[in-house]
Amino acid sequence: MIVHKFGGTSIGSAERFARVADIILDHHGQGDGAGVPGGVVVVSAMSGVTDQLIAGARAASEGRDTAYRKIKADLLSRHLDVVETLLDKRRERLKVGGLIEDRLHDLELLYRSIAVLGELTARGRDAVSSFGEQLSVHILAAVLRERDARSRAISSTELIVTNDYFGAAAPLMDPTRRRLQQRVKPLVEQGVLPVITGYIGATEDGLTTTLGRGGSDFSAAVIGTGLDADEVWIWSDVDGILTADPNIVPQARTLTELSYSEASELAYVGAEVLHPKTIRPVTQRSIPLRIVNSFNPAHAGTLIVESPGADREVLPAIISTTSLSMIVVGSEDDSWTLYMAARALHELSEAGVEVLMLSQSLSEHNLNLVVRDKDQDHCLRILSREFRNGHENDVVRLGAEEKVSTVSAVGPPGWNGKRNGIAAQAFSALGECETRVIAVAQAATERSVSFCIPEDQLAGTVRFLHRKLGLEDGDQPNPPRGQCKTEANL
């Protein structure tokens, strides 16, 4: 049995839904029984939908009725367009279209409730966030049925039991396994193809939870573990885990085989293709995990296993993240304290804002936070409310400093014939490149290091670092010193 998980980019349009259906049927056959039996599909929301849902909830909490109603209307139009394009059978089209209309009507009622309260709680945010998967799962199941597959949409709120830590709930594996064995395994044995919502679960009392941003990967791993799957396949938009972002470095190479620990380290420093929590469940039963490309399904991708082959090629990787903003919160005098920093981080956590990197300097009396661009305004509102309406003695300066990116280097010791670790090689390369380093995060080992740098220096820095680490052909000339200072130098 293989558990296939498809992310938002894989189902971002009608054309992509159709491509995903082709991939599934190529692997698991159609109504004639062809293909490999025993598959399960886990699906995310369409690309960008979860962000829209959360933006609507924030708008509702701030009393911006027109904004959340427009988001609801846009979501309705987008999903119904896919239904009208892909579903030819009138009965199926009316059934799925009606379900989408009903669910988005429920969403608007939820938005209204948030607007009345004037507050978006963590529980309310999870309830809102869950709608995207609940729409996409029914569309994909219907597309498969139209192609004569015996497919059934299932909500993971019926399967994945979690604690009540809303926003980043932890699955309770024993009751989750029991439900998967009782409700999903018999369907698979009967030749039914279950299509299950990713990202979401529910408490034992039935309250909807989410597993954290990017949690669909985690869902697939949990489901695969609970069903004793042979493999879990994560379908994305790149050929596995690469030595760098191929949009920046066209010569980037695929890491063909990794251990669980190596993949975990890459995920934790920001590899977008793999959610950090995904590795943990599959290690319990030594289930192989494969990262593959839904736009290039013939490519073998990256295989992640407990014990990689001795003859595999071991390479470092450069992980980069864009569209980030640097937020600074601090005091105008020496009154800034660790307690104030803790308050800032607590409030952002409660508001569901993901902080990708932070640096704390008591000598400079401030806290520097790296957040995603889309969270910048919300982050500033949360911090402004906490400090300017909080303690009487707070004297705080607050603002968005600049657009930034992060770049991380992860690799084995002694790479490229050097005695020093990958961290030292990365520091040396960024110095030679004259990249302005804003903040640094490093583990106790020299296997990895992360830098926060200006956004306009990211592409040049990544290309330079990729070459200096010896990841390209030896006949490539080295860039001149200082090439990474701005994009204009490239």
Foldseek 3Di string as FASTA:
>chain_A
DEEEEEEQDCPQALVSLVLVLVVVCCADNAQVRDHNAQYEYEYEFHPPLLLLLLVLLLCLLQLNLVSNVVSLVVVLVRLLVSLVVQDDDPVLSCVLNVVSVVLSVVSSVLSNVSNVVSDQFLLSSLVSSQSRLVNVQSSSQSSRVVRRAQEDEDEQQQAFAFDPPAQATDTDQPSNLVSLVVPPVVCRVVRYHYYYYFQWYAHPVSRIGGNHPVRRLQRSLSSCLSNVHQAYEYEDADQAAWQEPCVLPVLIDAQAEEELVQVLVVQLLPAPQHHNNNSVSCVVVFHKYFYHYSVCRVRRYHIYTHDDDPPGDFDKHKYKFFQKWKKKKFAPDLPQDVVLVVVLVVQCVRSSWDFNDKDDDSVVGIIITIGGNSCFVVSQVSSCCPQVVHDPPRHMDIDTDAGKMKMKMFGDACQPNDNGAPQVLLVVQCVQLVFDFDDKDDDPDSRMIMTIGHNQLVSVSSVQSCVSSPVDDPVDDHDHGNQSHGVVSD
